[in-house]
């Protein structure tokens, strides 16, 4: 529905089902219904689920804050990391990613609303952070992720998504491999899709309240 309202082609936006705190049984029901991409916020929980669910080609996306002592677990079990904003974490993931698994897909988290309490790289720091990935062969830089400040005004809610898309297009001039904008959740996914999201992260609307 959000794709058609935004005049986007069907299938142009991937759905990441955010399964944090939900039991394995709920995830298995979602898999049976055809959902294969899942997002988790807590490293140990993500790894436990990834190692206990073997139902076809499930893809695991880590979308939470990363502690240094958890990078090996994530490097060994995740397919995507959406929350990179520090060189130290990127370097550790590159060193610890098993070569047999292929490069780990990476999104840089951008603090697009520049909220002091929120994680993410300042938009102004992107130009100095992006070249880091040129020398990290076990990481595949795919794009940007953001969690903008909420707003009850749809037009105001669209502004940070539009700003992230502008940063993305600018970065693509030098890094044409970029193909992912991870933005939009249950409450604001329509605005995100209208502004170019290629992935939306939806929990409550799939699994119910936490």
N, C-alpha and C. Protein backbone atom coordinates (compact mmCIF):
# COMPACT_ATOMS: atom_id res chain seq x y z
N UNK A 1 0.82 -1.20 0.00
CA UNK A 1 0.00 0.00 0.00
C UNK A 1 0.86 1.26 0.00
N UNK A 2 1.88 1.31 0.87
CA UNK A 2 2.73 2.50 0.93
C UNK A 2 3.47 2.71 -0.39
N UNK A 3 3.88 1.62 -1.02
CA UNK A 3 4.56 1.73 -2.31
C UNK A 3 3.64 2.36 -3.35
N UNK A 4 2.41 1.86 -3.46
CA UNK A 4 1.50 2.37 -4.48
C UNK A 4 1.13 3.83 -4.22
N UNK A 5 0.95 4.19 -2.94
CA UNK A 5 0.63 5.59 -2.63
C UNK A 5 1.77 6.52 -3.01
N UNK A 6 2.98 6.03 -2.94
CA UNK A 6 4.15 6.85 -3.28
C UNK A 6 4.56 6.69 -4.74
N UNK A 7 3.76 5.97 -5.52
CA UNK A 7 4.07 5.70 -6.92
C UNK A 7 5.40 4.99 -7.08
N UNK A 8 5.67 4.09 -6.14
CA UNK A 8 6.88 3.27 -6.19
C UNK A 8 6.52 1.90 -6.75
N UNK A 9 7.42 1.23 -7.47
CA UNK A 9 7.12 -0.10 -8.00
C UNK A 9 6.88 -1.10 -6.87
N UNK A 10 5.99 -2.04 -7.09
CA UNK A 10 5.75 -3.10 -6.11
C UNK A 10 7.03 -3.88 -5.89
N UNK A 11 7.38 -4.13 -4.63
CA UNK A 11 8.59 -4.88 -4.30
C UNK A 11 9.84 -4.03 -4.22
N UNK A 12 9.71 -2.71 -4.36
CA UNK A 12 10.90 -1.85 -4.32
C UNK A 12 11.36 -1.55 -2.89
N UNK A 13 10.51 -1.88 -1.91
CA UNK A 13 10.86 -1.65 -0.50
C UNK A 13 10.83 -2.97 0.24
N UNK A 14 11.93 -3.32 0.89
CA UNK A 14 12.00 -4.57 1.64
C UNK A 14 11.46 -4.36 3.05
N UNK A 15 10.76 -5.37 3.54
CA UNK A 15 10.20 -5.34 4.89
C UNK A 15 11.08 -6.13 5.84
N UNK A 16 11.59 -5.45 6.86
CA UNK A 16 12.34 -6.11 7.94
C UNK A 16 11.39 -6.23 9.13
N UNK A 17 11.04 -7.44 9.49
CA UNK A 17 10.15 -7.67 10.63
C UNK A 17 10.97 -7.62 11.91
N UNK A 18 10.70 -6.63 12.75
CA UNK A 18 11.48 -6.44 13.98
C UNK A 18 10.93 -7.35 15.06
N UNK A 19 11.69 -8.38 15.35
CA UNK A 19 11.23 -9.46 16.23
C UNK A 19 11.83 -9.41 17.61
N UNK A 20 12.44 -8.30 17.99
CA UNK A 20 13.07 -8.20 19.31
C UNK A 20 12.05 -8.49 20.41
N UNK A 21 12.48 -9.23 21.40
CA UNK A 21 11.71 -9.64 22.59
C UNK A 21 10.59 -10.64 22.27
N UNK A 22 10.39 -10.96 21.01
CA UNK A 22 9.34 -11.91 20.65
C UNK A 22 9.90 -13.33 20.63
N UNK A 23 9.09 -14.31 21.01
CA UNK A 23 9.58 -15.68 21.08
C UNK A 23 9.83 -16.29 19.70
N UNK A 24 10.65 -17.31 19.70
CA UNK A 24 10.97 -18.02 18.45
C UNK A 24 9.69 -18.50 17.75
N UNK A 25 8.70 -18.91 18.52
CA UNK A 25 7.46 -19.42 17.93
C UNK A 25 6.78 -18.36 17.05
N UNK A 26 6.82 -17.10 17.49
CA UNK A 26 6.22 -16.03 16.68
C UNK A 26 6.99 -15.84 15.38
N UNK A 27 8.30 -15.94 15.45
CA UNK A 27 9.11 -15.79 14.25
C UNK A 27 8.84 -16.93 13.28
N UNK A 28 8.71 -18.14 13.81
CA UNK A 28 8.44 -19.29 12.94
C UNK A 28 7.09 -19.17 12.25
N UNK A 29 6.11 -18.56 12.93
CA UNK A 29 4.82 -18.31 12.28
C UNK A 29 4.97 -17.31 11.14
N UNK A 30 5.79 -16.28 11.37
CA UNK A 30 6.03 -15.29 10.32
C UNK A 30 6.76 -15.92 9.13
N UNK A 31 7.70 -16.80 9.42
CA UNK A 31 8.42 -17.50 8.34
C UNK A 31 7.45 -18.35 7.52
N UNK A 32 6.56 -19.04 8.21
CA UNK A 32 5.57 -19.86 7.52
C UNK A 32 4.67 -19.02 6.61
N UNK A 33 4.48 -17.74 6.99
CA UNK A 33 3.65 -16.84 6.18
C UNK A 33 4.44 -16.18 5.05
N UNK A 34 5.75 -16.46 5.00
CA UNK A 34 6.57 -15.96 3.90
C UNK A 34 7.54 -14.86 4.23
N UNK A 35 7.59 -14.41 5.48
CA UNK A 35 8.53 -13.37 5.88
C UNK A 35 9.88 -14.00 6.22
N UNK A 36 10.95 -13.52 5.61
CA UNK A 36 12.26 -14.15 5.81
C UNK A 36 13.34 -13.19 6.32
N UNK A 37 13.00 -11.92 6.49
CA UNK A 37 13.99 -10.94 6.96
C UNK A 37 13.56 -10.42 8.33
N UNK A 38 14.45 -10.56 9.32
CA UNK A 38 14.10 -10.21 10.70
C UNK A 38 15.16 -9.29 11.30
N UNK A 39 14.68 -8.33 12.12
CA UNK A 39 15.57 -7.39 12.78
C UNK A 39 15.57 -7.60 14.28
N UNK A 40 16.75 -7.54 14.87
CA UNK A 40 16.92 -7.72 16.31
C UNK A 40 17.76 -6.58 16.88
N UNK A 41 17.45 -6.20 18.13
CA UNK A 41 18.13 -5.07 18.78
C UNK A 41 19.18 -5.47 19.81
N UNK A 42 19.13 -6.69 20.30
CA UNK A 42 20.01 -7.11 21.39
C UNK A 42 20.87 -8.27 20.89
N UNK A 43 22.19 -8.12 21.05
CA UNK A 43 23.13 -9.05 20.42
C UNK A 43 22.90 -10.49 20.84
N UNK A 44 22.82 -10.76 22.14
CA UNK A 44 22.69 -12.15 22.58
C UNK A 44 21.38 -12.76 22.10
N UNK A 45 20.32 -11.98 22.19
CA UNK A 45 19.02 -12.48 21.71
C UNK A 45 19.07 -12.76 20.20
N UNK A 46 19.71 -11.86 19.46
CA UNK A 46 19.83 -12.05 18.01
C UNK A 46 20.57 -13.34 17.68
N UNK A 47 21.68 -13.57 18.37
CA UNK A 47 22.50 -14.76 18.10
C UNK A 47 21.73 -16.02 18.51
N UNK A 48 21.06 -15.97 19.65
CA UNK A 48 20.29 -17.15 20.09
C UNK A 48 19.23 -17.53 19.06
N UNK A 49 18.55 -16.54 18.54
CA UNK A 49 17.51 -16.82 17.54
C UNK A 49 18.11 -17.30 16.23
N UNK A 50 19.20 -16.68 15.81
CA UNK A 50 19.83 -17.07 14.55
C UNK A 50 20.33 -18.50 14.58
N UNK A 51 20.77 -18.95 15.76
CA UNK A 51 21.29 -20.31 15.86
C UNK A 51 20.20 -21.35 16.12
N UNK A 52 19.01 -20.90 16.53
CA UNK A 52 17.96 -21.87 16.84
C UNK A 52 16.92 -22.00 15.74
N UNK A 53 16.89 -21.05 14.81
CA UNK A 53 15.91 -21.09 13.71
C UNK A 53 16.63 -21.46 12.43
N UNK A 54 16.25 -22.56 11.86
CA UNK A 54 16.87 -23.04 10.62
C UNK A 54 15.81 -23.30 9.56
N UNK A 55 14.85 -22.38 9.45
CA UNK A 55 13.74 -22.56 8.52
C UNK A 55 14.01 -21.82 7.22
N UNK A 56 14.79 -22.43 6.35
CA UNK A 56 15.03 -21.83 5.05
C UNK A 56 16.00 -20.66 5.11
N UNK A 57 16.00 -19.84 4.06
CA UNK A 57 17.00 -18.76 3.93
C UNK A 57 16.63 -17.51 4.72
N UNK A 58 16.61 -17.64 6.04
CA UNK A 58 16.28 -16.49 6.89
C UNK A 58 17.46 -15.52 6.91
N UNK A 59 17.15 -14.22 6.83
CA UNK A 59 18.17 -13.18 6.82
C UNK A 59 18.05 -12.36 8.10
N UNK A 60 19.16 -12.24 8.84
CA UNK A 60 19.15 -11.57 10.14
C UNK A 60 19.79 -10.19 10.03
N UNK A 61 19.06 -9.19 10.51
CA UNK A 61 19.49 -7.80 10.49
C UNK A 61 19.64 -7.31 11.93
N UNK A 62 20.82 -6.81 12.28
CA UNK A 62 21.00 -6.24 13.61
C UNK A 62 20.77 -4.75 13.53
N UNK A 63 19.83 -4.25 14.36
CA UNK A 63 19.41 -2.85 14.26
C UNK A 63 19.53 -2.12 15.60
N UNK A 64 20.29 -2.67 16.52
CA UNK A 64 20.44 -2.07 17.84
C UNK A 64 21.84 -1.54 18.08
N UNK A 65 22.07 -0.95 19.25
CA UNK A 65 23.41 -0.45 19.59
C UNK A 65 24.39 -1.61 19.74
N UNK A 66 25.64 -1.35 19.39
CA UNK A 66 26.66 -2.41 19.38
C UNK A 66 27.71 -2.14 20.44
N UNK A 67 27.88 -3.12 21.33
CA UNK A 67 28.96 -3.06 22.31
C UNK A 67 30.19 -3.76 21.74
N UNK A 68 31.36 -3.25 22.10
CA UNK A 68 32.60 -3.82 21.55
C UNK A 68 32.74 -5.30 21.83
N UNK A 69 32.30 -5.73 23.03
CA UNK A 69 32.48 -7.14 23.39
C UNK A 69 31.45 -8.07 22.72
N UNK A 70 30.56 -7.50 21.88
CA UNK A 70 29.57 -8.32 21.17
C UNK A 70 29.83 -8.40 19.67
N UNK A 71 30.88 -7.74 19.20
CA UNK A 71 31.07 -7.68 17.75
C UNK A 71 31.35 -9.05 17.13
N UNK A 72 32.09 -9.92 17.83
CA UNK A 72 32.40 -11.23 17.24
C UNK A 72 31.13 -12.04 17.02
N UNK A 73 30.24 -12.03 18.01
CA UNK A 73 28.98 -12.76 17.86
C UNK A 73 28.19 -12.25 16.66
N UNK A 74 28.13 -10.95 16.53
CA UNK A 74 27.38 -10.37 15.43
C UNK A 74 28.05 -10.66 14.09
N UNK A 75 29.36 -10.54 14.05
CA UNK A 75 30.09 -10.81 12.80
C UNK A 75 29.89 -12.25 12.34
N UNK A 76 29.73 -13.16 13.29
CA UNK A 76 29.63 -14.58 12.94
C UNK A 76 28.21 -15.05 12.63
N UNK A 77 27.18 -14.24 12.97
CA UNK A 77 25.81 -14.74 12.82
C UNK A 77 24.86 -13.82 12.06
N UNK A 78 25.20 -12.56 11.89
CA UNK A 78 24.29 -11.65 11.21
C UNK A 78 24.61 -11.54 9.72
N UNK A 79 23.60 -11.18 8.95
CA UNK A 79 23.78 -10.89 7.53
C UNK A 79 23.92 -9.39 7.27
N UNK A 80 23.28 -8.60 8.12
CA UNK A 80 23.30 -7.15 7.99
C UNK A 80 23.51 -6.52 9.37
N UNK A 81 24.23 -5.38 9.39
CA UNK A 81 24.32 -4.52 10.56
C UNK A 81 23.91 -3.12 10.11
N UNK A 82 22.90 -2.52 10.76
CA UNK A 82 22.37 -1.23 10.34
C UNK A 82 22.89 -0.06 11.17
N UNK A 83 23.69 -0.33 12.20
CA UNK A 83 23.94 0.70 13.22
C UNK A 83 25.42 1.02 13.41
N UNK A 84 26.17 1.09 12.32
CA UNK A 84 27.58 1.42 12.41
C UNK A 84 27.75 2.94 12.47
N UNK A 85 28.42 3.42 13.51
CA UNK A 85 28.69 4.86 13.60
C UNK A 85 30.04 5.16 14.25
N UNK A 86 30.85 4.10 14.46
CA UNK A 86 32.17 4.28 15.08
C UNK A 86 33.21 3.46 14.35
N UNK A 87 34.38 4.04 14.05
CA UNK A 87 35.43 3.27 13.38
C UNK A 87 35.81 2.00 14.14
N UNK A 88 35.89 2.07 15.46
CA UNK A 88 36.30 0.92 16.26
C UNK A 88 35.40 -0.29 15.98
N UNK A 89 34.10 -0.07 15.92
CA UNK A 89 33.17 -1.17 15.71
C UNK A 89 33.32 -1.73 14.29
N UNK A 90 33.48 -0.86 13.31
CA UNK A 90 33.66 -1.31 11.94
C UNK A 90 34.94 -2.15 11.81
N UNK A 91 36.01 -1.70 12.43
CA UNK A 91 37.27 -2.43 12.35
C UNK A 91 37.16 -3.81 13.00
N UNK A 92 36.49 -3.89 14.14
CA UNK A 92 36.34 -5.17 14.82
C UNK A 92 35.47 -6.13 14.00
N UNK A 93 34.40 -5.64 13.45
CA UNK A 93 33.54 -6.50 12.64
C UNK A 93 34.29 -7.01 11.41
N UNK A 94 35.10 -6.17 10.81
CA UNK A 94 35.88 -6.59 9.65
C UNK A 94 36.88 -7.70 10.01
N UNK A 95 37.54 -7.52 11.16
CA UNK A 95 38.52 -8.52 11.60
C UNK A 95 37.86 -9.85 11.97
N UNK A 96 36.65 -9.79 12.51
CA UNK A 96 36.03 -10.98 13.09
C UNK A 96 35.03 -11.67 12.15
N UNK A 97 34.75 -11.09 11.01
CA UNK A 97 33.83 -11.71 10.07
C UNK A 97 34.48 -12.94 9.44
N UNK A 98 33.88 -14.13 9.56
CA UNK A 98 34.45 -15.31 8.91
C UNK A 98 34.46 -15.15 7.39
N UNK A 99 35.59 -15.39 6.78
CA UNK A 99 35.70 -15.22 5.34
C UNK A 99 34.76 -16.15 4.59
N UNK A 100 34.46 -17.30 5.19
CA UNK A 100 33.58 -18.26 4.53
C UNK A 100 32.16 -17.74 4.37
N UNK A 101 31.79 -16.72 5.14
CA UNK A 101 30.44 -16.18 5.08
C UNK A 101 30.29 -15.06 4.06
N UNK A 102 31.39 -14.58 3.51
CA UNK A 102 31.32 -13.44 2.61
C UNK A 102 31.20 -12.14 3.39
N UNK A 103 31.31 -11.01 2.72
CA UNK A 103 31.28 -9.73 3.41
C UNK A 103 29.96 -9.49 4.15
N UNK A 104 30.07 -8.83 5.27
CA UNK A 104 28.91 -8.45 6.09
C UNK A 104 28.33 -7.16 5.54
N UNK A 105 27.03 -7.15 5.26
CA UNK A 105 26.36 -5.96 4.74
C UNK A 105 26.23 -4.90 5.84
N UNK A 106 26.57 -3.67 5.51
CA UNK A 106 26.67 -2.60 6.50
C UNK A 106 25.86 -1.38 6.08
N UNK A 107 25.14 -0.80 7.04
CA UNK A 107 24.56 0.53 6.88
C UNK A 107 25.15 1.44 7.96
N UNK A 108 25.46 2.64 7.60
CA UNK A 108 25.93 3.65 8.56
C UNK A 108 24.70 4.30 9.19
N UNK A 109 24.66 4.34 10.53
CA UNK A 109 23.56 5.02 11.20
C UNK A 109 23.87 6.51 11.26
N UNK A 110 22.94 7.31 10.76
CA UNK A 110 23.08 8.76 10.73
C UNK A 110 22.07 9.38 11.70
N UNK A 111 22.56 10.23 12.56
CA UNK A 111 21.67 10.96 13.48
C UNK A 111 21.11 12.15 12.72
N UNK A 112 20.15 11.87 11.85
CA UNK A 112 19.69 12.86 10.88
C UNK A 112 18.98 14.03 11.54
N UNK A 113 18.35 13.80 12.70
CA UNK A 113 17.69 14.90 13.42
C UNK A 113 18.64 15.58 14.41
N UNK A 114 19.87 15.04 14.50
CA UNK A 114 20.91 15.58 15.38
C UNK A 114 20.41 15.75 16.82
N UNK A 115 19.85 14.66 17.33
CA UNK A 115 19.37 14.63 18.72
C UNK A 115 20.52 14.21 19.63
N UNK A 116 20.82 14.97 20.67
CA UNK A 116 21.95 14.63 21.55
C UNK A 116 21.83 13.26 22.19
N UNK A 117 20.61 12.79 22.43
CA UNK A 117 20.42 11.52 23.13
C UNK A 117 20.46 10.31 22.21
N UNK A 118 20.59 10.54 20.91
CA UNK A 118 20.48 9.44 19.96
C UNK A 118 21.82 9.04 19.39
N UNK A 119 21.97 7.74 19.10
CA UNK A 119 23.18 7.26 18.45
C UNK A 119 23.17 7.68 16.99
N UNK A 120 24.31 7.52 16.36
CA UNK A 120 24.41 7.82 14.95
C UNK A 120 25.44 8.89 14.66
N UNK A 121 25.94 8.84 13.46
CA UNK A 121 26.96 9.78 13.01
C UNK A 121 26.31 11.11 12.61
N UNK A 122 26.96 12.20 12.93
CA UNK A 122 26.48 13.50 12.47
C UNK A 122 26.58 13.55 10.95
N UNK A 123 25.59 14.14 10.28
CA UNK A 123 25.68 14.25 8.81
C UNK A 123 26.98 14.90 8.35
N UNK A 124 27.50 15.84 9.12
CA UNK A 124 28.73 16.53 8.74
C UNK A 124 29.95 15.62 8.77
N UNK A 125 29.87 14.51 9.52
CA UNK A 125 31.02 13.62 9.65
C UNK A 125 31.03 12.49 8.63
N UNK A 126 30.00 12.40 7.81
CA UNK A 126 29.92 11.30 6.85
C UNK A 126 31.09 11.29 5.88
N UNK A 127 31.47 12.44 5.40
CA UNK A 127 32.49 12.49 4.35
C UNK A 127 33.83 11.96 4.82
N UNK A 128 34.12 12.07 6.12
CA UNK A 128 35.39 11.54 6.64
C UNK A 128 35.25 10.09 7.10
N UNK A 129 34.02 9.63 7.33
CA UNK A 129 33.80 8.25 7.80
C UNK A 129 33.72 7.27 6.63
N UNK A 130 33.13 7.68 5.52
CA UNK A 130 32.91 6.77 4.40
C UNK A 130 34.20 6.13 3.86
N UNK A 131 35.31 6.87 3.71
CA UNK A 131 36.52 6.25 3.15
C UNK A 131 37.07 5.09 3.98
N UNK A 132 36.70 5.02 5.25
CA UNK A 132 37.17 3.92 6.10
C UNK A 132 36.86 2.57 5.48
N UNK A 133 35.72 2.45 4.81
CA UNK A 133 35.27 1.16 4.31
C UNK A 133 36.02 0.73 3.05
N UNK A 134 36.80 1.62 2.46
CA UNK A 134 37.61 1.25 1.30
C UNK A 134 38.63 0.18 1.66
N UNK A 135 39.04 0.13 2.91
CA UNK A 135 40.09 -0.79 3.34
C UNK A 135 39.58 -1.90 4.26
N UNK A 136 38.28 -2.16 4.22
CA UNK A 136 37.69 -3.21 5.06
C UNK A 136 37.00 -4.24 4.15
N UNK A 137 37.75 -5.19 3.63
CA UNK A 137 37.21 -6.09 2.61
C UNK A 137 36.14 -7.05 3.10
N UNK A 138 36.05 -7.24 4.42
CA UNK A 138 35.05 -8.16 4.95
C UNK A 138 33.73 -7.47 5.30
N UNK A 139 33.65 -6.18 4.98
CA UNK A 139 32.42 -5.42 5.14
C UNK A 139 31.99 -4.88 3.78
N UNK A 140 30.69 -4.92 3.51
CA UNK A 140 30.15 -4.37 2.26
C UNK A 140 29.25 -3.20 2.61
N UNK A 141 29.71 -2.00 2.35
CA UNK A 141 28.93 -0.81 2.64
C UNK A 141 27.74 -0.73 1.68
N UNK A 142 26.53 -0.71 2.25
CA UNK A 142 25.32 -0.73 1.43
C UNK A 142 24.53 0.58 1.46
N UNK A 143 24.61 1.34 2.58
CA UNK A 143 23.83 2.56 2.61
C UNK A 143 23.74 3.16 3.99
N UNK A 144 22.63 3.87 4.24
CA UNK A 144 22.44 4.61 5.48
C UNK A 144 21.17 4.16 6.19
N UNK A 145 21.18 4.34 7.51
CA UNK A 145 20.01 4.06 8.34
C UNK A 145 19.79 5.25 9.26
N UNK A 146 18.52 5.53 9.59
CA UNK A 146 18.23 6.62 10.53
C UNK A 146 16.93 6.35 11.26
N UNK A 147 16.85 6.91 12.46
CA UNK A 147 15.62 6.91 13.27
C UNK A 147 15.33 8.37 13.60
N UNK A 148 14.60 9.08 12.74
CA UNK A 148 14.38 10.51 12.98
C UNK A 148 13.53 10.77 14.22
N UNK A 149 13.62 11.99 14.70
CA UNK A 149 12.75 12.41 15.80
C UNK A 149 11.29 12.32 15.35
N UNK A 150 10.40 11.81 16.22
CA UNK A 150 9.00 11.67 15.83
C UNK A 150 8.30 13.03 15.75
N UNK A 151 7.28 13.06 14.91
CA UNK A 151 6.47 14.27 14.78
C UNK A 151 5.05 13.88 14.41
N UNK A 152 4.07 14.62 14.95
CA UNK A 152 2.67 14.38 14.59
C UNK A 152 2.31 15.04 13.27
N UNK A 153 3.19 15.88 12.77
CA UNK A 153 2.95 16.58 11.51
C UNK A 153 3.59 15.77 10.37
N UNK A 154 2.81 15.20 9.46
CA UNK A 154 3.38 14.37 8.39
C UNK A 154 4.44 15.10 7.55
N UNK A 155 4.21 16.39 7.28
CA UNK A 155 5.19 17.13 6.49
C UNK A 155 6.52 17.28 7.23
N UNK A 156 6.44 17.56 8.53
CA UNK A 156 7.67 17.66 9.32
C UNK A 156 8.35 16.30 9.45
N UNK A 157 7.56 15.22 9.51
CA UNK A 157 8.14 13.89 9.62
C UNK A 157 8.87 13.50 8.35
N UNK A 158 8.42 14.01 7.22
CA UNK A 158 9.07 13.69 5.95
C UNK A 158 10.41 14.39 5.79
N UNK A 159 10.60 15.53 6.45
CA UNK A 159 11.80 16.33 6.23
C UNK A 159 13.10 15.58 6.52
N UNK A 160 13.22 14.89 7.68
CA UNK A 160 14.49 14.18 7.92
C UNK A 160 14.70 13.01 6.96
N UNK A 161 13.63 12.34 6.54
CA UNK A 161 13.77 11.28 5.54
C UNK A 161 14.29 11.86 4.23
N UNK A 162 13.76 13.02 3.86
CA UNK A 162 14.21 13.68 2.63
C UNK A 162 15.68 14.08 2.75
N UNK A 163 16.06 14.57 3.94
CA UNK A 163 17.45 14.97 4.15
C UNK A 163 18.40 13.77 4.05
N UNK A 164 17.98 12.63 4.61
CA UNK A 164 18.83 11.43 4.52
C UNK A 164 18.95 10.98 3.07
N UNK A 165 17.87 11.06 2.32
CA UNK A 165 17.92 10.66 0.91
C UNK A 165 18.87 11.57 0.14
N UNK A 166 18.89 12.86 0.47
CA UNK A 166 19.81 13.78 -0.18
C UNK A 166 21.26 13.42 0.13
N UNK A 167 21.55 13.10 1.40
CA UNK A 167 22.91 12.65 1.77
C UNK A 167 23.29 11.38 1.01
N UNK A 168 22.33 10.47 0.90
CA UNK A 168 22.54 9.21 0.20
C UNK A 168 22.90 9.47 -1.27
N UNK A 169 22.14 10.32 -1.93
CA UNK A 169 22.40 10.61 -3.34
C UNK A 169 23.75 11.28 -3.54
N UNK A 170 24.13 12.13 -2.60
CA UNK A 170 25.44 12.78 -2.68
C UNK A 170 26.56 11.75 -2.53
N UNK A 171 26.40 10.85 -1.55
CA UNK A 171 27.41 9.81 -1.32
C UNK A 171 27.53 8.87 -2.52
N UNK A 172 26.43 8.61 -3.19
CA UNK A 172 26.44 7.70 -4.34
C UNK A 172 27.31 8.21 -5.49
N UNK A 173 27.53 9.50 -5.55
CA UNK A 173 28.38 10.04 -6.61
C UNK A 173 29.80 9.49 -6.50
N UNK A 174 30.25 9.25 -5.26
CA UNK A 174 31.59 8.70 -5.05
C UNK A 174 31.56 7.21 -4.75
N UNK A 175 30.43 6.74 -4.19
CA UNK A 175 30.29 5.33 -3.82
C UNK A 175 29.04 4.76 -4.52
N UNK A 176 29.15 4.50 -5.82
CA UNK A 176 27.97 4.09 -6.59
C UNK A 176 27.38 2.75 -6.17
N UNK A 177 28.10 1.98 -5.35
CA UNK A 177 27.57 0.70 -4.90
C UNK A 177 26.47 0.86 -3.85
N UNK A 178 26.31 2.04 -3.29
CA UNK A 178 25.28 2.25 -2.27
C UNK A 178 23.90 2.02 -2.87
N UNK A 179 23.08 1.22 -2.17
CA UNK A 179 21.76 0.89 -2.71
C UNK A 179 20.67 0.80 -1.64
N UNK A 180 21.00 1.15 -0.39
CA UNK A 180 20.06 0.89 0.70
C UNK A 180 19.83 2.14 1.56
N UNK A 181 18.55 2.45 1.75
CA UNK A 181 18.13 3.47 2.71
C UNK A 181 17.20 2.78 3.70
N UNK A 182 17.71 2.50 4.88
CA UNK A 182 16.94 1.82 5.93
C UNK A 182 16.31 2.89 6.80
N UNK A 183 15.04 3.18 6.54
CA UNK A 183 14.36 4.22 7.31
C UNK A 183 12.86 3.99 7.25
N UNK A 184 12.21 4.27 8.38
CA UNK A 184 10.78 4.07 8.48
C UNK A 184 10.44 2.89 9.37
N UNK A 185 9.51 3.13 10.32
CA UNK A 185 9.03 2.09 11.22
C UNK A 185 7.50 2.11 11.21
N UNK A 186 6.89 1.40 12.13
CA UNK A 186 5.43 1.25 12.09
C UNK A 186 4.71 2.60 11.99
N UNK A 187 5.17 3.59 12.76
CA UNK A 187 4.44 4.85 12.85
C UNK A 187 4.70 5.81 11.70
N UNK A 188 5.79 5.61 10.96
CA UNK A 188 6.15 6.61 9.95
C UNK A 188 6.60 6.02 8.61
N UNK A 189 6.29 4.73 8.39
CA UNK A 189 6.83 4.09 7.20
C UNK A 189 6.30 4.70 5.91
N UNK A 190 5.06 5.19 5.90
CA UNK A 190 4.52 5.76 4.66
C UNK A 190 5.31 6.98 4.24
N UNK A 191 5.67 7.85 5.20
CA UNK A 191 6.47 9.02 4.87
C UNK A 191 7.87 8.60 4.39
N UNK A 192 8.43 7.57 5.04
CA UNK A 192 9.75 7.09 4.65
C UNK A 192 9.75 6.53 3.23
N UNK A 193 8.73 5.74 2.91
CA UNK A 193 8.63 5.17 1.56
C UNK A 193 8.46 6.29 0.53
N UNK A 194 7.68 7.30 0.87
CA UNK A 194 7.48 8.42 -0.05
C UNK A 194 8.78 9.17 -0.32
N UNK A 195 9.71 9.09 0.64
CA UNK A 195 10.98 9.81 0.49
C UNK A 195 12.14 8.90 0.08
N UNK A 196 11.83 7.68 -0.36
CA UNK A 196 12.87 6.85 -0.97
C UNK A 196 13.40 5.69 -0.17
N UNK A 197 12.78 5.32 0.94
CA UNK A 197 13.25 4.16 1.71
C UNK A 197 13.32 2.92 0.83
N UNK A 198 14.35 2.12 1.03
CA UNK A 198 14.42 0.81 0.36
C UNK A 198 14.21 -0.33 1.35
N UNK A 199 14.30 -0.02 2.65
CA UNK A 199 13.99 -0.97 3.71
C UNK A 199 13.20 -0.25 4.79
N UNK A 200 12.14 -0.89 5.29
CA UNK A 200 11.43 -0.37 6.46
C UNK A 200 11.49 -1.42 7.55
N UNK A 201 11.56 -0.97 8.80
CA UNK A 201 11.75 -1.85 9.95
C UNK A 201 10.47 -1.81 10.79
N UNK A 202 9.69 -2.87 10.73
CA UNK A 202 8.34 -2.86 11.31
C UNK A 202 8.22 -3.96 12.35
N UNK A 203 7.85 -3.57 13.58
CA UNK A 203 7.67 -4.54 14.65
C UNK A 203 6.25 -4.62 15.13
N UNK A 204 5.75 -3.53 15.71
CA UNK A 204 4.43 -3.52 16.34
C UNK A 204 3.33 -3.93 15.37
N UNK A 205 3.37 -3.44 14.13
CA UNK A 205 2.31 -3.74 13.18
C UNK A 205 2.33 -5.18 12.71
N UNK A 206 3.41 -5.90 13.00
CA UNK A 206 3.49 -7.32 12.63
C UNK A 206 3.27 -8.21 13.84
N UNK A 207 4.02 -7.94 14.91
CA UNK A 207 4.00 -8.83 16.08
C UNK A 207 3.10 -8.32 17.22
N UNK A 208 2.61 -7.10 17.09
CA UNK A 208 1.80 -6.55 18.19
C UNK A 208 2.66 -5.80 19.18
N UNK A 209 2.01 -5.15 20.18
CA UNK A 209 2.77 -4.37 21.17
C UNK A 209 3.73 -5.23 21.96
N UNK A 210 4.80 -4.58 22.47
CA UNK A 210 5.77 -5.28 23.31
C UNK A 210 5.46 -4.99 24.77
